[in-house]
C-alpha atoms as a PDB file:
ATOM      1  CA  MET A   1       0.055  -0.031   0.020  1.00  0.00           C
ATOM      2  CA  ARG A   2       1.899   3.269  -1.254  1.00  0.00           C
ATOM      3  CA  THR A   3       1.201   6.562   0.395  1.00  0.00           C
ATOM      4  CA  LEU A   4      -0.959   9.463  -0.876  1.00  0.00           C
ATOM      5  CA  LEU A   5       1.361  11.251  -3.332  1.00  0.00           C
ATOM      6  CA  SER A   6       3.294   8.326  -4.512  1.00  0.00           C
ATOM      7  CA  VAL A   7       0.505   6.677  -6.096  1.00  0.00           C
ATOM      8  CA  LEU A   8      -0.740   9.451  -8.133  1.00  0.00           C
ATOM      9  CA  SER A   9       1.299   9.000 -11.088  1.00  0.00           C
ATOM     10  CA  THR A  10       0.111   5.403 -11.348  1.00  0.00           C
ATOM     11  CA  ALA A  11      -3.456   6.376 -10.582  1.00  0.00           C
ATOM     12  CA  ILE A  12      -3.116   8.338 -13.807  1.00  0.00           C
ATOM     13  CA  ILE A  13      -3.260   5.298 -16.109  1.00  0.00           C
ATOM     14  CA  LEU A  14      -6.286   3.878 -14.359  1.00  0.00           C
ATOM     15  CA  PHE A  15      -8.159   7.317 -14.610  1.00  0.00           C
ATOM     16  CA  ALA A  16      -7.107   7.648 -18.173  1.00  0.00           C
ATOM     17  CA  CYS A  17      -9.036   4.754 -19.244  1.00  0.00           C
ATOM     18  CA  SER A  18     -12.042   5.338 -17.314  1.00  0.00           C
ATOM     19  CA  ASN A  19     -14.603   8.023 -16.532  1.00  0.00           C
ATOM     20  CA  PRO A  20     -15.302   8.010 -12.608  1.00  0.00           C
ATOM     21  CA  GLU A  21     -18.815   9.168 -12.018  1.00  0.00           C
ATOM     22  CA  GLU A  22     -20.095  10.348  -8.367  1.00  0.00           C
ATOM     23  CA  LYS A  23     -22.435   7.760  -6.643  1.00  0.00           C
ATOM     24  CA  LYS A  24     -24.210   8.318  -3.849  1.00  0.00           C
ATOM     25  CA  ASP A  25     -24.791   5.815  -0.991  1.00  0.00           C
ATOM     26  CA  SER A  26     -28.607   5.508  -0.219  1.00  0.00           C
ATOM     27  CA  LYS A  27     -27.572   3.737   3.296  1.00  0.00           C
ATOM     28  CA  ALA A  28     -26.615   6.148   6.253  1.00  0.00           C
ATOM     29  CA  GLU A  29     -23.240   5.497   7.578  1.00  0.00           C
ATOM     30  CA  GLU A  30     -23.348   4.103  10.878  1.00  0.00           C
ATOM     31  CA  LYS A  31     -20.677   5.156  13.789  1.00  0.00           C
ATOM     32  CA  THR A  32     -18.657   2.689  14.938  1.00  0.00           C
ATOM     33  CA  GLY A  33     -18.138   1.853  18.758  1.00  0.00           C
ATOM     34  CA  ALA A  34     -14.740   3.250  18.527  1.00  0.00           C
ATOM     35  CA  GLN A  35     -16.228   6.522  17.309  1.00  0.00           C
ATOM     36  CA  GLN A  36     -18.895   6.964  19.604  1.00  0.00           C
ATOM     37  CA  ALA A  37     -16.357   6.361  22.589  1.00  0.00           C
ATOM     38  CA  GLY A  38     -14.095   9.371  21.356  1.00  0.00           C
ATOM     39  CA  GLN A  39     -16.944  11.292  20.916  1.00  0.00           C
ATOM     40  CA  ASP A  40     -17.933  10.740  24.304  1.00  0.00           C
ATOM     41  CA  GLN A  41     -14.848  12.015  25.630  1.00  0.00           C
ATOM     42  CA  LYS A  42     -14.395  15.236  23.475  1.00  0.00           C
ATOM     43  CA  ALA A  43     -13.561  18.303  24.888  1.00  0.00           C
ATOM     44  CA  ASN A  44     -14.116  20.729  21.831  1.00  0.00           C
ATOM     45  CA  THR A  45     -13.157  24.154  21.636  1.00  0.00           C
ATOM     46  CA  ASN A  46     -11.247  26.496  19.238  1.00  0.00           C
ATOM     47  CA  VAL A  47      -8.505  29.087  18.860  1.00  0.00           C
ATOM     48  CA  THR A  48      -7.621  31.803  16.397  1.00  0.00           C
ATOM     49  CA  ILE A  49      -4.063  31.125  14.620  1.00  0.00           C
ATOM     50  CA  ASN A  50      -2.925  33.432  11.966  1.00  0.00           C
ATOM     51  CA  ASN A  51      -6.715  34.882  11.728  1.00  0.00           C
ATOM     52  CA  VAL A  52      -8.191  31.231  11.213  1.00  0.00           C
ATOM     53  CA  ALA A  53     -10.281  29.624  13.749  1.00  0.00           C
ATOM     54  CA  ILE A  54      -8.595  25.979  14.689  1.00  0.00           C
ATOM     55  CA  GLU A  55     -11.084  23.622  16.003  1.00  0.00           C
ATOM     56  CA  TYR A  56      -9.163  21.116  18.385  1.00  0.00           C
ATOM     57  CA  ASP A  57      -9.640  18.632  21.319  1.00  0.00           C
ATOM     58  CA  GLU A  58      -7.537  18.066  24.083  1.00  0.00           C
ATOM     59  CA  CYS A  59      -7.655  15.587  27.125  1.00  0.00           C
ATOM     60  CA  GLY A  60      -5.314  14.313  29.751  1.00  0.00           C
ATOM     61  CA  GLN A  61      -2.506  16.014  31.815  1.00  0.00           C
ATOM     62  CA  GLY A  62       1.301  15.628  32.156  1.00  0.00           C
ATOM     63  CA  ASP A  63       4.385  17.017  30.860  1.00  0.00           C
ATOM     64  CA  THR A  64       4.260  15.331  27.585  1.00  0.00           C
ATOM     65  CA  THR A  65       1.882  16.547  24.772  1.00  0.00           C
ATOM     66  CA  LEU A  66       0.975  14.217  22.100  1.00  0.00           C
ATOM     67  CA  LEU A  67      -0.234  16.475  19.213  1.00  0.00           C
ATOM     68  CA  PHE A  68      -2.025  14.417  16.509  1.00  0.00           C
ATOM     69  CA  VAL A  69      -2.239  16.107  12.932  1.00  0.00           C
ATOM     70  CA  HIS A  70      -4.493  14.449  10.478  1.00  0.00           C
ATOM     71  CA  GLY A  71      -4.022  13.742   6.575  1.00  0.00           C
ATOM     72  CA  TRP A  72      -5.468  14.933   3.572  1.00  0.00           C
ATOM     73  CA  CYS A  73      -9.295  15.696   3.425  1.00  0.00           C
ATOM     74  CA  ILE A  74     -10.182  13.854   6.903  1.00  0.00           C
ATOM     75  CA  ASN A  75     -10.312  15.527  10.421  1.00  0.00           C
ATOM     76  CA  LYS A  76      -9.184  15.126  14.014  1.00  0.00           C
ATOM     77  CA  ASP A  77     -11.939  12.351  14.627  1.00  0.00           C
ATOM     78  CA  TYR A  78      -9.747   9.953  12.935  1.00  0.00           C
ATOM     79  CA  TRP A  79      -7.491   9.934  16.196  1.00  0.00           C
ATOM     80  CA  ASP A  80     -10.230   9.007  18.829  1.00  0.00           C
ATOM     81  CA  ASP A  81      -8.875   5.613  19.438  1.00  0.00           C
ATOM     82  CA  GLN A  82      -5.706   7.236  20.325  1.00  0.00           C
ATOM     83  CA  LYS A  83      -7.281   9.803  22.544  1.00  0.00           C
ATOM     84  CA  LYS A  84      -9.142   7.178  24.171  1.00  0.00           C
ATOM     85  CA  TYR A  85      -5.799   4.886  24.591  1.00  0.00           C
ATOM     86  CA  PHE A  86      -3.393   7.802  25.473  1.00  0.00           C
ATOM     87  CA  CYS A  87      -5.232  10.271  27.397  1.00  0.00           C
ATOM     88  CA  ASP A  88      -4.633   8.603  30.832  1.00  0.00           C
ATOM     89  CA  LYS A  89      -0.785   8.631  30.147  1.00  0.00           C
ATOM     90  CA  TYR A  90      -0.202  12.040  28.522  1.00  0.00           C
ATOM     91  CA  LYS A  91      -1.661  15.286  27.338  1.00  0.00           C
ATOM     92  CA  VAL A  92      -3.303  14.626  24.171  1.00  0.00           C
ATOM     93  CA  VAL A  93      -4.424  17.372  21.437  1.00  0.00           C
ATOM     94  CA  THR A  94      -5.956  16.692  18.098  1.00  0.00           C
ATOM     95  CA  LEU A  95      -6.851  19.407  15.927  1.00  0.00           C
ATOM     96  CA  ASP A  96      -8.455  20.179  12.238  1.00  0.00           C
ATOM     97  CA  LEU A  97      -5.926  21.726  10.200  1.00  0.00           C
ATOM     98  CA  PRO A  98      -7.407  24.967   8.365  1.00  0.00           C
ATOM     99  CA  GLY A  99      -9.739  24.275   5.417  1.00  0.00           C
ATOM    100  CA  PHE A 100     -10.505  20.785   6.921  1.00  0.00           C
ATOM    101  CA  GLY A 101     -13.053  19.498   9.525  1.00  0.00           C
ATOM    102  CA  LYS A 102     -14.283  22.539  11.617  1.00  0.00           C
ATOM    103  CA  SER A 103     -11.575  24.478  11.278  1.00  0.00           C
ATOM    104  CA  GLY A 104     -11.921  28.084   9.203  1.00  0.00           C
ATOM    105  CA  LYS A 105     -11.586  28.176   5.546  1.00  0.00           C
ATOM    106  CA  ASN A 106     -10.815  31.975   5.487  1.00  0.00           C
ATOM    107  CA  ARG A 107      -7.278  32.131   3.771  1.00  0.00           C
ATOM    108  CA  THR A 108      -5.725  31.971   0.327  1.00  0.00           C
ATOM    109  CA  ASN A 109      -2.491  30.533   1.378  1.00  0.00           C
ATOM    110  CA  TRP A 110      -2.713  26.745   1.389  1.00  0.00           C
ATOM    111  CA  THR A 111       1.246  25.916   1.516  1.00  0.00           C
ATOM    112  CA  PHE A 112       2.577  23.691   3.889  1.00  0.00           C
ATOM    113  CA  GLU A 113       4.848  26.470   5.339  1.00  0.00           C
ATOM    114  CA  GLN A 114       1.665  28.188   6.237  1.00  0.00           C
ATOM    115  CA  TYR A 115       0.490  24.743   8.133  1.00  0.00           C
ATOM    116  CA  THR A 116       3.973  24.650   9.821  1.00  0.00           C
ATOM    117  CA  ASP A 117       3.561  28.048  11.062  1.00  0.00           C
ATOM    118  CA  ASP A 118      -0.262  27.343  12.090  1.00  0.00           C
ATOM    119  CA  ILE A 119       1.253  24.393  14.303  1.00  0.00           C
ATOM    120  CA  HIS A 120       4.088  26.415  15.885  1.00  0.00           C
ATOM    121  CA  GLU A 121       1.836  29.107  16.544  1.00  0.00           C
ATOM    122  CA  PHE A 122      -1.010  26.625  18.004  1.00  0.00           C
ATOM    123  CA  ILE A 123       2.023  25.075  20.325  1.00  0.00           C
ATOM    124  CA  LYS A 124       2.645  28.359  21.471  1.00  0.00           C
ATOM    125  CA  GLU A 125      -0.862  29.774  22.018  1.00  0.00           C
ATOM    126  CA  LYS A 126      -1.760  26.576  23.950  1.00  0.00           C
ATOM    127  CA  LYS A 127       1.645  26.468  25.902  1.00  0.00           C
ATOM    128  CA  LEU A 128       1.993  22.701  25.153  1.00  0.00           C
ATOM    129  CA  ARG A 129       5.256  21.220  26.549  1.00  0.00           C
ATOM    130  CA  ASN A 130       7.231  18.666  25.337  1.00  0.00           C
ATOM    131  CA  VAL A 131       5.394  17.963  22.288  1.00  0.00           C
ATOM    132  CA  ILE A 132       5.304  15.011  20.460  1.00  0.00           C
ATOM    133  CA  LEU A 133       4.138  15.932  16.960  1.00  0.00           C
ATOM    134  CA  ILE A 134       2.543  12.845  15.109  1.00  0.00           C
ATOM    135  CA  GLY A 135       1.348  13.474  11.435  1.00  0.00           C
ATOM    136  CA  HIS A 136      -0.725  10.978   9.206  1.00  0.00           C
ATOM    137  CA  SER A 137      -0.016  11.026   5.236  1.00  0.00           C
ATOM    138  CA  MET A 138       0.499  14.577   3.952  1.00  0.00           C
ATOM    139  CA  SER A 139       1.436  15.773   7.331  1.00  0.00           C
ATOM    140  CA  GLY A 140       4.695  14.033   7.167  1.00  0.00           C
ATOM    141  CA  ASP A 141       5.899  17.105   5.219  1.00  0.00           C
ATOM    142  CA  ILE A 142       4.726  19.102   7.779  1.00  0.00           C
ATOM    143  CA  LEU A 143       6.827  17.233  10.267  1.00  0.00           C
ATOM    144  CA  LEU A 144       9.858  17.690   8.508  1.00  0.00           C
ATOM    145  CA  LEU A 145       9.267  21.738   8.151  1.00  0.00           C
ATOM    146  CA  MET A 146       8.568  21.897  12.032  1.00  0.00           C
ATOM    147  CA  ASP A 147      11.603  20.268  12.897  1.00  0.00           C
ATOM    148  CA  THR A 148      13.903  22.081  10.141  1.00  0.00           C
ATOM    149  CA  LYS A 149      12.121  25.303  10.874  1.00  0.00           C
ATOM    150  CA  TYR A 150      11.132  25.215  14.718  1.00  0.00           C
ATOM    151  CA  PRO A 151      12.816  22.508  15.979  1.00  0.00           C
ATOM    152  CA  GLU A 152      12.718  23.882  19.614  1.00  0.00           C
ATOM    153  CA  SER A 153       8.921  23.385  19.497  1.00  0.00           C
ATOM    154  CA  VAL A 154       8.967  19.649  19.509  1.00  0.00           C
ATOM    155  CA  ILE A 155      10.874  16.944  21.449  1.00  0.00           C
ATOM    156  CA  GLY A 156       9.960  14.108  18.602  1.00  0.00           C
ATOM    157  CA  ILE A 157       8.417  13.561  15.171  1.00  0.00           C
ATOM    158  CA  VAL A 158       6.419  10.566  14.368  1.00  0.00           C
ATOM    159  CA  GLY A 159       5.021  10.073  10.666  1.00  0.00           C
ATOM    160  CA  ILE A 160       2.012   7.659  10.118  1.00  0.00           C
ATOM    161  CA  ASP A 161       1.940   5.524   6.624  1.00  0.00           C
ATOM    162  CA  ASN A 162       4.422   8.454   5.158  1.00  0.00           C
ATOM    163  CA  LEU A 163       8.054   9.482   4.212  1.00  0.00           C
ATOM    164  CA  LYS A 164       8.518   5.999   2.982  1.00  0.00           C
ATOM    165  CA  LYS A 165      11.735   7.340   0.895  1.00  0.00           C
ATOM    166  CA  PRO A 166      13.167  10.673   0.493  1.00  0.00           C
ATOM    167  CA  GLY A 167      11.609  12.656  -2.044  1.00  0.00           C
ATOM    168  CA  ILE A 168      13.225  13.972  -5.160  1.00  0.00           C
ATOM    169  CA  LYS A 169      12.363  16.275  -7.964  1.00  0.00           C
ATOM    170  CA  ASN A 170       9.706  14.991 -10.454  1.00  0.00           C
ATOM    171  CA  THR A 171      10.775  14.267 -13.998  1.00  0.00           C
ATOM    172  CA  ILE A 172       8.914  16.436 -16.781  1.00  0.00           C
ATOM    173  CA  GLY A 173       7.218  13.164 -17.636  1.00  0.00           C
ATOM    174  CA  GLN A 174       5.902  12.869 -13.741  1.00  0.00           C
ATOM    175  CA  THR A 175       4.982  16.724 -13.873  1.00  0.00           C
ATOM    176  CA  GLU A 176       2.890  16.163 -16.820  1.00  0.00           C
ATOM    177  CA  GLU A 177       1.175  13.287 -15.347  1.00  0.00           C
ATOM    178  CA  MET A 178       0.382  15.058 -12.266  1.00  0.00           C
ATOM    179  CA  GLU A 179      -1.185  17.898 -14.391  1.00  0.00           C
ATOM    180  CA  SER A 180      -3.358  15.170 -15.959  1.00  0.00           C
ATOM    181  CA  PHE A 181      -4.721  13.900 -12.679  1.00  0.00           C
ATOM    182  CA  PHE A 182      -5.299  17.473 -11.275  1.00  0.00           C
ATOM    183  CA  ALA A 183      -7.636  18.011 -14.477  1.00  0.00           C
ATOM    184  CA  MET A 184      -9.408  14.750 -13.504  1.00  0.00           C
ATOM    185  CA  LEU A 185      -9.643  16.265  -9.933  1.00  0.00           C
ATOM    186  CA  ASN A 186     -11.115  19.308 -11.319  1.00  0.00           C
ATOM    187  CA  SER A 187     -13.480  18.052 -13.722  1.00  0.00           C
ATOM    188  CA  ASN A 188     -14.892  15.171 -11.181  1.00  0.00           C
ATOM    189  CA  PHE A 189     -13.481  15.576  -7.883  1.00  0.00           C
ATOM    190  CA  ALA A 190     -16.039  13.083  -6.137  1.00  0.00           C
ATOM    191  CA  GLY A 191     -15.572  10.570  -8.717  1.00  0.00           C
ATOM    192  CA  THR A 192     -12.066  10.627  -9.189  1.00  0.00           C
ATOM    193  CA  VAL A 193     -11.268  10.680  -5.266  1.00  0.00           C
ATOM    194  CA  GLU A 194     -13.624   7.565  -4.718  1.00  0.00           C
ATOM    195  CA  VAL A 195     -11.808   5.271  -7.426  1.00  0.00           C
ATOM    196  CA  TYR A 196      -8.440   6.526  -6.016  1.00  0.00           C
ATOM    197  CA  THR A 197      -9.122   5.808  -2.332  1.00  0.00           C
ATOM    198  CA  LYS A 198     -10.506   2.351  -3.337  1.00  0.00           C
ATOM    199  CA  GLN A 199      -7.954   1.085  -5.547  1.00  0.00           C
ATOM    200  CA  TYR A 200      -4.930   2.563  -4.255  1.00  0.00           C
ATOM    201  CA  LEU A 201      -5.409   3.307  -0.494  1.00  0.00           C
ATOM    202  CA  PHE A 202      -6.705   0.137   1.172  1.00  0.00           C
ATOM    203  CA  PRO A 203      -6.275  -3.804   0.792  1.00  0.00           C
ATOM    204  CA  LEU A 204      -9.116  -5.809  -1.063  1.00  0.00           C
ATOM    205  CA  SER A 205      -9.593  -7.053   2.644  1.00  0.00           C
ATOM    206  CA  ALA A 206     -10.350  -3.666   4.120  1.00  0.00           C
ATOM    207  CA  ASP A 207     -13.453  -3.056   6.214  1.00  0.00           C
ATOM    208  CA  ALA A 208     -15.907  -1.776   3.872  1.00  0.00           C
ATOM    209  CA  SER A 209     -17.084   0.724   6.625  1.00  0.00           C
ATOM    210  CA  ILE A 210     -13.833   2.007   7.171  1.00  0.00           C
ATOM    211  CA  VAL A 211     -13.311   2.602   3.365  1.00  0.00           C
ATOM    212  CA  ASN A 212     -16.827   4.160   2.975  1.00  0.00           C
ATOM    213  CA  ARG A 213     -16.033   6.439   6.125  1.00  0.00           C
ATOM    214  CA  VAL A 214     -12.929   7.525   4.251  1.00  0.00           C
ATOM    215  CA  ILE A 215     -14.211   8.203   1.226  1.00  0.00           C
ATOM    216  CA  LYS A 216     -17.294  10.278   2.358  1.00  0.00           C
ATOM    217  CA  ASP A 217     -15.041  12.237   4.221  1.00  0.00           C
ATOM    218  CA  ILE A 218     -13.067  13.007   1.200  1.00  0.00           C
ATOM    219  CA  LYS A 219     -15.874  13.946  -0.639  1.00  0.00           C
ATOM    220  CA  SER A 220     -17.269  16.084   1.702  1.00  0.00           C
ATOM    221  CA  SER A 221     -14.178  18.244   1.944  1.00  0.00           C
ATOM    222  CA  ASP A 222     -13.996  21.637  -0.009  1.00  0.00           C
ATOM    223  CA  SER A 223     -12.910  20.412  -3.291  1.00  0.00           C
ATOM    224  CA  VAL A 224     -10.920  23.781  -4.199  1.00  0.00           C
ATOM    225  CA  ILE A 225      -9.135  23.870  -1.160  1.00  0.00           C
ATOM    226  CA  ALA A 226      -8.400  20.005  -1.218  1.00  0.00           C
ATOM    227  CA  ILE A 227      -6.769  20.453  -4.692  1.00  0.00           C
ATOM    228  CA  LYS A 228      -4.632  23.372  -3.652  1.00  0.00           C
ATOM    229  CA  VAL A 229      -3.354  21.542  -0.838  1.00  0.00           C
ATOM    230  CA  LEU A 230      -2.410  18.660  -3.104  1.00  0.00           C
ATOM    231  CA  ARG A 231      -0.729  20.619  -5.185  1.00  0.00           C
ATOM    232  CA  SER A 232       1.307  22.200  -2.101  1.00  0.00           C
ATOM    233  CA  LEU A 233       2.099  18.635  -1.283  1.00  0.00           C
ATOM    234  CA  VAL A 234       3.610  17.970  -4.648  1.00  0.00           C
ATOM    235  CA  ASP A 235       5.645  20.855  -4.436  1.00  0.00           C
ATOM    236  CA  VAL A 236       6.786  20.419  -0.615  1.00  0.00           C
ATOM    237  CA  SER A 237       7.501  16.612  -1.037  1.00  0.00           C
ATOM    238  CA  GLN A 238      10.152  17.443  -3.779  1.00  0.00           C
ATOM    239  CA  LYS A 239      12.226  19.165  -0.982  1.00  0.00           C
ATOM    240  CA  GLU A 240      11.981  16.170   1.467  1.00  0.00           C
ATOM    241  CA  ARG A 241      15.704  14.978   0.952  1.00  0.00           C
ATOM    242  CA  ASP A 242      17.024  18.256   1.803  1.00  0.00           C
ATOM    243  CA  MET A 243      14.801  18.798   4.910  1.00  0.00           C
ATOM    244  CA  MET A 244      15.966  15.444   6.279  1.00  0.00           C
ATOM    245  CA  GLN A 245      19.253  16.347   5.988  1.00  0.00           C
ATOM    246  CA  GLU A 246      18.608  19.077   8.452  1.00  0.00           C
ATOM    247  CA  LEU A 247      16.384  17.164  10.959  1.00  0.00           C
ATOM    248  CA  ARG A 248      17.180  17.639  14.443  1.00  0.00           C
ATOM    249  CA  HIS A 249      15.315  14.778  15.502  1.00  0.00           C
ATOM    250  CA  LYS A 250      15.279  11.240  14.850  1.00  0.00           C
ATOM    251  CA  LEU A 251      12.793  10.522  12.316  1.00  0.00           C
ATOM    252  CA  TYR A 252      10.252   7.731  13.587  1.00  0.00           C
ATOM    253  CA  LEU A 253       7.482   6.030  11.513  1.00  0.00           C
ATOM    254  CA  VAL A 254       4.515   3.844  12.113  1.00  0.00           C
ATOM    255  CA  ASN A 255       3.797   2.546   8.803  1.00  0.00           C
ATOM    256  CA  SER A 256       1.389  -0.086   7.172  1.00  0.00           C
ATOM    257  CA  ASP A 257       3.502  -3.232   5.898  1.00  0.00           C
ATOM    258  CA  GLU A 258       2.127  -2.830   2.370  1.00  0.00           C
ATOM    259  CA  GLY A 259       4.441  -1.140   0.403  1.00  0.00           C
ATOM    260  CA  LEU A 260       8.333  -0.628   0.817  1.00  0.00           C
ATOM    261  CA  THR A 261       9.607   1.816   3.344  1.00  0.00           C
ATOM    262  CA  GLU A 262      12.979   2.789   2.448  1.00  0.00           C
ATOM    263  CA  ILE A 263      14.662   2.621   5.677  1.00  0.00           C
ATOM    264  CA  ASP A 264      18.301   2.354   4.702  1.00  0.00           C
ATOM    265  CA  SER A 265      17.728   5.251   2.553  1.00  0.00           C
ATOM    266  CA  LEU A 266      16.132   7.237   5.212  1.00  0.00           C
ATOM    267  CA  LYS A 267      18.785   6.566   7.552  1.00  0.00           C
ATOM    268  CA  LYS A 268      21.120   7.805   5.058  1.00  0.00           C
ATOM    269  CA  TYR A 269      19.545  11.021   4.482  1.00  0.00           C
ATOM    270  CA  CYS A 270      18.174  11.781   7.887  1.00  0.00           C
ATOM    271  CA  LYS A 271      20.463  13.778  10.008  1.00  0.00           C
ATOM    272  CA  ALA A 272      19.544  12.392  13.066  1.00  0.00           C
ATOM    273  CA  SER A 273      18.703   8.880  11.584  1.00  0.00           C
ATOM    274  CA  ALA A 274      15.068   7.016  11.342  1.00  0.00           C
ATOM    275  CA  GLU A 275      13.546   4.069  12.645  1.00  0.00           C
ATOM    276  CA  VAL A 276      10.314   2.386  10.974  1.00  0.00           C
ATOM    277  CA  LEU A 277       7.250   0.165  13.152  1.00  0.00           C
ATOM    278  CA  TYR A 278       4.978  -1.589  11.144  1.00  0.00           C
ATOM    279  CA  VAL A 279       1.503  -2.301  11.535  1.00  0.00           C
ATOM    280  CA  LYS A 280       0.559  -5.311   9.448  1.00  0.00           C
ATOM    281  CA  GLY A 281      -2.146  -5.794   7.017  1.00  0.00           C
ATOM    282  CA  THR A 282      -3.659  -2.237   6.962  1.00  0.00           C
ATOM    283  CA  GLY A 283      -3.930   0.333   4.171  1.00  0.00           C
ATOM    284  CA  HIS A 284      -3.042   4.007   4.387  1.00  0.00           C
ATOM    285  CA  TYR A 285      -5.171   4.659   7.706  1.00  0.00           C
ATOM    286  CA  PRO A 286      -3.734   2.292  10.280  1.00  0.00           C
ATOM    287  CA  MET A 287      -4.861   4.020  13.412  1.00  0.00           C
ATOM    288  CA  ILE A 288      -8.854   3.477  12.477  1.00  0.00           C
ATOM    289  CA  GLU A 289      -8.085  -0.199  10.581  1.00  0.00           C
ATOM    290  CA  LYS A 290      -6.300  -1.646  13.360  1.00  0.00           C
ATOM    291  CA  PRO A 291      -6.110   0.724  16.341  1.00  0.00           C
ATOM    292  CA  ALA A 292      -4.852  -1.718  19.017  1.00  0.00           C
ATOM    293  CA  GLU A 293      -2.217  -2.890  17.051  1.00  0.00           C
ATOM    294  CA  PHE A 294      -1.369   0.908  16.059  1.00  0.00           C
ATOM    295  CA  ASN A 295      -1.613   2.242  19.584  1.00  0.00           C
ATOM    296  CA  ALA A 296       1.133  -0.294  20.832  1.00  0.00           C
ATOM    297  CA  ALA A 297       3.399   0.471  17.920  1.00  0.00           C
ATOM    298  CA  LEU A 298       3.025   4.146  18.959  1.00  0.00           C
ATOM    299  CA  GLU A 299       3.446   3.656  22.350  1.00  0.00           C
ATOM    300  CA  ARG A 300       6.728   1.896  21.735  1.00  0.00           C
ATOM    301  CA  VAL A 301       7.906   4.804  19.772  1.00  0.00           C
ATOM    302  CA  ILE A 302       6.907   7.388  22.632  1.00  0.00           C
ATOM    303  CA  ARG A 303       8.915   5.426  24.954  1.00  0.00           C
ATOM    304  CA  MET A 304      11.906   5.584  22.536  1.00  0.00           C
ATOM    305  CA  ILE A 305      11.457   9.136  22.140  1.00  0.00           C
ATOM    306  CA  LEU A 306      10.875   9.870  25.794  1.00  0.00           C
ATOM    307  CA  SER A 307      14.320   7.715  26.453  1.00  0.00           C
ATOM    308  CA  GLN A 308      16.339   9.396  23.859  1.00  0.00           C
ATOM    309  CA  PRO A 309      18.957  11.919  24.029  1.00  0.00           C
ATOM    310  CA  GLY A 310      18.271  15.841  22.952  1.00  0.00           C
ATOM    311  CA  PRO A 311      18.457  16.866  19.379  1.00  0.00           C
ATOM    312  CA  VAL A 312      21.486  16.707  17.275  1.00  0.00           C
ATOM    313  CA  GLY A 313      23.331  20.022  16.654  1.00  0.00           C
ATOM    314  CA  GLY A 314      22.630  22.447  14.052  1.00  0.00           C
END
């Protein structure tokens, strides 16, 4: 199972031979027990950061903060199982990035540099201490930017099913394929993302209710913002190798075992090294597909971060 950005070029082949159409599901989605449990413990609130209202949840206490950042076109509720598990051990904060979930959309700059500034200002505003920043999917690049631009704001960074290999600049051919994909998104966002999600982000054995939940959330997002953010992701991903060489903290990953994580290459380029733990038999959303296994792996990573020495020198 490859990550969000790495499959875009391959997806072009599929979409070029088909005309995906939006289909409406006649049955209402049912909330899983885990979702309901997460909702029962929520403490929803918001804070204005860089003139945009950011919706967030928080629970737990302690000197260590786990700050969870979601991936493309989803929201903070994808961390409900992690809140339930970790809140009695750490302070846990989940947030909706601007443009997604319940956070504001009143901006025109949808770059990852701006998102990084948002996270930095959020940490300062909330006076969060000893932050372990945990980012799913596209938020892996927010981790890299945070640790190169604001390394003092975090004590550790953890990518979730992302950063499987150091990003490099696209070829002319790859750029042309990307443009074809963006044209399809502009023409039929809902239909394109439905085919893409089913074909590339989950194994055939995936729970249909989880697949449908992700598809529903992506379709419900603001397509204009979603496409702009995806374009920004393409841009920033080509700088990953350079950013990895400037990292102050070790890069930890909790990835699906579907698709190769090039750990030797990551160790070579990451200034403070890298380490990966796997959650077996999941797609791109291990935190909701196999929450128990995911939480166990993440807990191991957190313990390693808390036991390691400080960041490497600049």
